[in-house]
Amino acid sequence: MPAICAKTGVPCANPVAVRLRLGARPVRGVLPIVPGRARLVRWMIRASFFVLAAALLLAFVSFDAAAIAVAVYVVLFIVGDQLWVGSKRTDRPDHIVLTRVHQHFVDAVSR
């Protein structure tokens, strides 16, 4: 892998273990990702689950507050997911295609 962050396109020598999903099958690998991006995504995904738990508790107190918490959960989860690397299947079972990666990373891999 080139020393270019897969998400931001900036120089990066810090490989990060990533877990991607292809349907129900998890795929693990190592990609260069700047630490700040990895921390941000990890924080957003964890925070979304805390907000979801709060929504469940709020459902017993106030439906409106629970609905707002669910909306915050959805936003955090979707934004966190979009800030991370995606993947999709190919015709070959031993290959995947990375999606939502920076063009500089794509160019470096192509070289």
C-alpha atoms as a PDB file:
ATOM      1  CA  MET A   1       0.000   0.000   0.000  1.00  0.00           C
ATOM      2  CA  PRO A   2       1.198   3.519  -0.684  1.00  0.00           C
ATOM      3  CA  ALA A   3       1.829   5.827   2.266  1.00  0.00           C
ATOM      4  CA  ILE A   4      -1.191   7.972   1.326  1.00  0.00           C
ATOM      5  CA  CYS A   5      -4.270   8.120   3.567  1.00  0.00           C
ATOM      6  CA  ALA A   6      -7.088   6.204   1.890  1.00  0.00           C
ATOM      7  CA  LYS A   7      -9.674   8.756   3.095  1.00  0.00           C
ATOM      8  CA  THR A   8      -7.954  12.142   3.095  1.00  0.00           C
ATOM      9  CA  GLY A   9      -5.255  11.729   0.435  1.00  0.00           C
ATOM     10  CA  VAL A  10      -2.529  13.204   2.644  1.00  0.00           C
ATOM     11  CA  PRO A  11       0.788  11.470   3.341  1.00  0.00           C
ATOM     12  CA  CYS A  12       0.318   8.884   6.065  1.00  0.00           C
ATOM     13  CA  ALA A  13       2.660   6.215   7.380  1.00  0.00           C
ATOM     14  CA  ASN A  14       0.212   4.884   9.998  1.00  0.00           C
ATOM     15  CA  PRO A  15      -1.520   1.738   8.795  1.00  0.00           C
ATOM     16  CA  VAL A  16      -4.790   1.028  10.581  1.00  0.00           C
ATOM     17  CA  ALA A  17      -6.596  -2.275  10.820  1.00  0.00           C
ATOM     18  CA  VAL A  18      -9.983  -1.881   9.174  1.00  0.00           C
ATOM     19  CA  ARG A  19     -13.054  -4.054   9.164  1.00  0.00           C
ATOM     20  CA  LEU A  20     -15.337  -3.833   6.188  1.00  0.00           C
ATOM     21  CA  ARG A  21     -18.537  -5.731   5.475  1.00  0.00           C
ATOM     22  CA  LEU A  22     -19.480  -7.609   2.351  1.00  0.00           C
ATOM     23  CA  GLY A  23     -23.017  -8.596   3.170  1.00  0.00           C
ATOM     24  CA  ALA A  24     -22.838 -10.659   6.347  1.00  0.00           C
ATOM     25  CA  ARG A  25     -19.142 -11.492   5.897  1.00  0.00           C
ATOM     26  CA  PRO A  26     -16.623  -9.231   7.649  1.00  0.00           C
ATOM     27  CA  VAL A  27     -13.387  -8.546   5.796  1.00  0.00           C
ATOM     28  CA  ARG A  28     -10.334  -7.407   7.719  1.00  0.00           C
ATOM     29  CA  GLY A  29      -7.351  -5.622   6.287  1.00  0.00           C
ATOM     30  CA  VAL A  30      -4.813  -2.886   6.833  1.00  0.00           C
ATOM     31  CA  LEU A  31      -5.027   0.505   5.121  1.00  0.00           C
ATOM     32  CA  PRO A  32      -3.143   3.750   5.615  1.00  0.00           C
ATOM     33  CA  ILE A  33      -5.548   6.041   7.463  1.00  0.00           C
ATOM     34  CA  VAL A  34      -4.566   9.178   9.369  1.00  0.00           C
ATOM     35  CA  PRO A  35      -5.101   8.603  13.098  1.00  0.00           C
ATOM     36  CA  GLY A  36      -7.448  11.586  13.414  1.00  0.00           C
ATOM     37  CA  ARG A  37      -9.869  10.140  10.857  1.00  0.00           C
ATOM     38  CA  ALA A  38      -9.841   6.712  12.503  1.00  0.00           C
ATOM     39  CA  ARG A  39     -10.523   8.280  15.927  1.00  0.00           C
ATOM     40  CA  LEU A  40     -13.310  10.496  14.565  1.00  0.00           C
ATOM     41  CA  VAL A  41     -15.137   7.599  12.907  1.00  0.00           C
ATOM     42  CA  ARG A  42     -14.700   5.370  15.956  1.00  0.00           C
ATOM     43  CA  TRP A  43     -16.066   8.160  18.188  1.00  0.00           C
ATOM     44  CA  MET A  44     -19.061   8.795  15.914  1.00  0.00           C
ATOM     45  CA  ILE A  45     -20.054   5.136  15.723  1.00  0.00           C
ATOM     46  CA  ARG A  46     -19.717   4.666  19.493  1.00  0.00           C
ATOM     47  CA  ALA A  47     -21.567   7.900  20.221  1.00  0.00           C
ATOM     48  CA  SER A  48     -24.389   6.810  17.931  1.00  0.00           C
ATOM     49  CA  PHE A  49     -24.959   3.669  19.995  1.00  0.00           C
ATOM     50  CA  PHE A  50     -24.977   5.672  23.243  1.00  0.00           C
ATOM     51  CA  VAL A  51     -27.563   8.007  21.716  1.00  0.00           C
ATOM     52  CA  LEU A  52     -29.640   4.995  20.642  1.00  0.00           C
ATOM     53  CA  ALA A  53     -29.537   3.629  24.198  1.00  0.00           C
ATOM     54  CA  ALA A  54     -30.605   7.054  25.468  1.00  0.00           C
ATOM     55  CA  ALA A  55     -33.485   7.028  22.972  1.00  0.00           C
ATOM     56  CA  LEU A  56     -34.702   3.737  24.394  1.00  0.00           C
ATOM     57  CA  LEU A  57     -34.636   5.169  27.901  1.00  0.00           C
ATOM     58  CA  LEU A  58     -36.271   8.421  26.792  1.00  0.00           C
ATOM     59  CA  ALA A  59     -39.100   6.486  25.157  1.00  0.00           C
ATOM     60  CA  PHE A  60     -40.454   5.838  28.652  1.00  0.00           C
ATOM     61  CA  VAL A  61     -40.374   9.556  29.520  1.00  0.00           C
ATOM     62  CA  SER A  62     -41.026  11.569  26.371  1.00  0.00           C
ATOM     63  CA  PHE A  63     -41.838  10.396  22.880  1.00  0.00           C
ATOM     64  CA  ASP A  64     -40.594  13.684  21.369  1.00  0.00           C
ATOM     65  CA  ALA A  65     -37.210  13.445  23.094  1.00  0.00           C
ATOM     66  CA  ALA A  66     -36.897   9.809  22.035  1.00  0.00           C
ATOM     67  CA  ALA A  67     -37.679  10.722  18.427  1.00  0.00           C
ATOM     68  CA  ILE A  68     -35.019  13.454  18.472  1.00  0.00           C
ATOM     69  CA  ALA A  69     -32.492  11.003  19.937  1.00  0.00           C
ATOM     70  CA  VAL A  70     -33.284   8.473  17.202  1.00  0.00           C
ATOM     71  CA  ALA A  71     -32.776  11.180  14.559  1.00  0.00           C
ATOM     72  CA  VAL A  72     -29.405  12.093  16.120  1.00  0.00           C
ATOM     73  CA  TYR A  73     -28.485   8.387  16.135  1.00  0.00           C
ATOM     74  CA  VAL A  74     -29.278   8.052  12.436  1.00  0.00           C
ATOM     75  CA  VAL A  75     -27.283  11.163  11.524  1.00  0.00           C
ATOM     76  CA  LEU A  76     -24.235  10.099  13.581  1.00  0.00           C
ATOM     77  CA  PHE A  77     -24.316   6.586  12.171  1.00  0.00           C
ATOM     78  CA  ILE A  78     -24.697   7.659   8.540  1.00  0.00           C
ATOM     79  CA  VAL A  79     -22.068  10.410   8.721  1.00  0.00           C
ATOM     80  CA  GLY A  80     -19.643   8.092  10.540  1.00  0.00           C
ATOM     81  CA  ASP A  81     -20.193   5.419   7.906  1.00  0.00           C
ATOM     82  CA  GLN A  82     -19.649   7.874   5.039  1.00  0.00           C
ATOM     83  CA  LEU A  83     -16.403   9.109   6.599  1.00  0.00           C
ATOM     84  CA  TRP A  84     -15.044   5.557   6.494  1.00  0.00           C
ATOM     85  CA  VAL A  85     -13.911   3.324   3.647  1.00  0.00           C
ATOM     86  CA  GLY A  86     -16.583   1.282   1.941  1.00  0.00           C
ATOM     87  CA  SER A  87     -16.367  -1.932  -0.020  1.00  0.00           C
ATOM     88  CA  LYS A  88     -18.281  -3.950  -2.559  1.00  0.00           C
ATOM     89  CA  ARG A  89     -18.089  -7.436  -4.001  1.00  0.00           C
ATOM     90  CA  THR A  90     -16.452  -8.408  -7.257  1.00  0.00           C
ATOM     91  CA  ASP A  91     -16.871 -11.435  -9.489  1.00  0.00           C
ATOM     92  CA  ARG A  92     -13.896 -13.064  -7.769  1.00  0.00           C
ATOM     93  CA  PRO A  93     -14.528 -14.290  -4.204  1.00  0.00           C
ATOM     94  CA  ASP A  94     -10.996 -13.371  -3.081  1.00  0.00           C
ATOM     95  CA  HIS A  95     -11.204  -9.711  -4.217  1.00  0.00           C
ATOM     96  CA  ILE A  96     -13.088  -6.649  -3.041  1.00  0.00           C
ATOM     97  CA  VAL A  97     -13.338  -3.134  -4.400  1.00  0.00           C
ATOM     98  CA  LEU A  98     -12.732  -0.295  -1.956  1.00  0.00           C
ATOM     99  CA  THR A  99     -15.195   2.572  -2.259  1.00  0.00           C
ATOM    100  CA  ARG A 100     -15.271   6.073  -0.799  1.00  0.00           C
ATOM    101  CA  VAL A 101     -11.484   6.453  -1.006  1.00  0.00           C
ATOM    102  CA  HIS A 102      -9.595   9.625  -1.914  1.00  0.00           C
ATOM    103  CA  GLN A 103      -8.453  10.088  -5.520  1.00  0.00           C
ATOM    104  CA  HIS A 104      -4.817  10.600  -4.408  1.00  0.00           C
ATOM    105  CA  PHE A 105      -4.915   7.139  -2.823  1.00  0.00           C
ATOM    106  CA  VAL A 106      -6.396   5.654  -6.009  1.00  0.00           C
ATOM    107  CA  ASP A 107      -3.675   7.312  -8.104  1.00  0.00           C
ATOM    108  CA  ALA A 108      -0.914   6.063  -5.768  1.00  0.00           C
ATOM    109  CA  VAL A 109      -2.255   2.499  -5.854  1.00  0.00           C
ATOM    110  CA  SER A 110      -2.466   2.644  -9.653  1.00  0.00           C
ATOM    111  CA  ARG A 111       1.201   3.556  -9.878  1.00  0.00           C
END
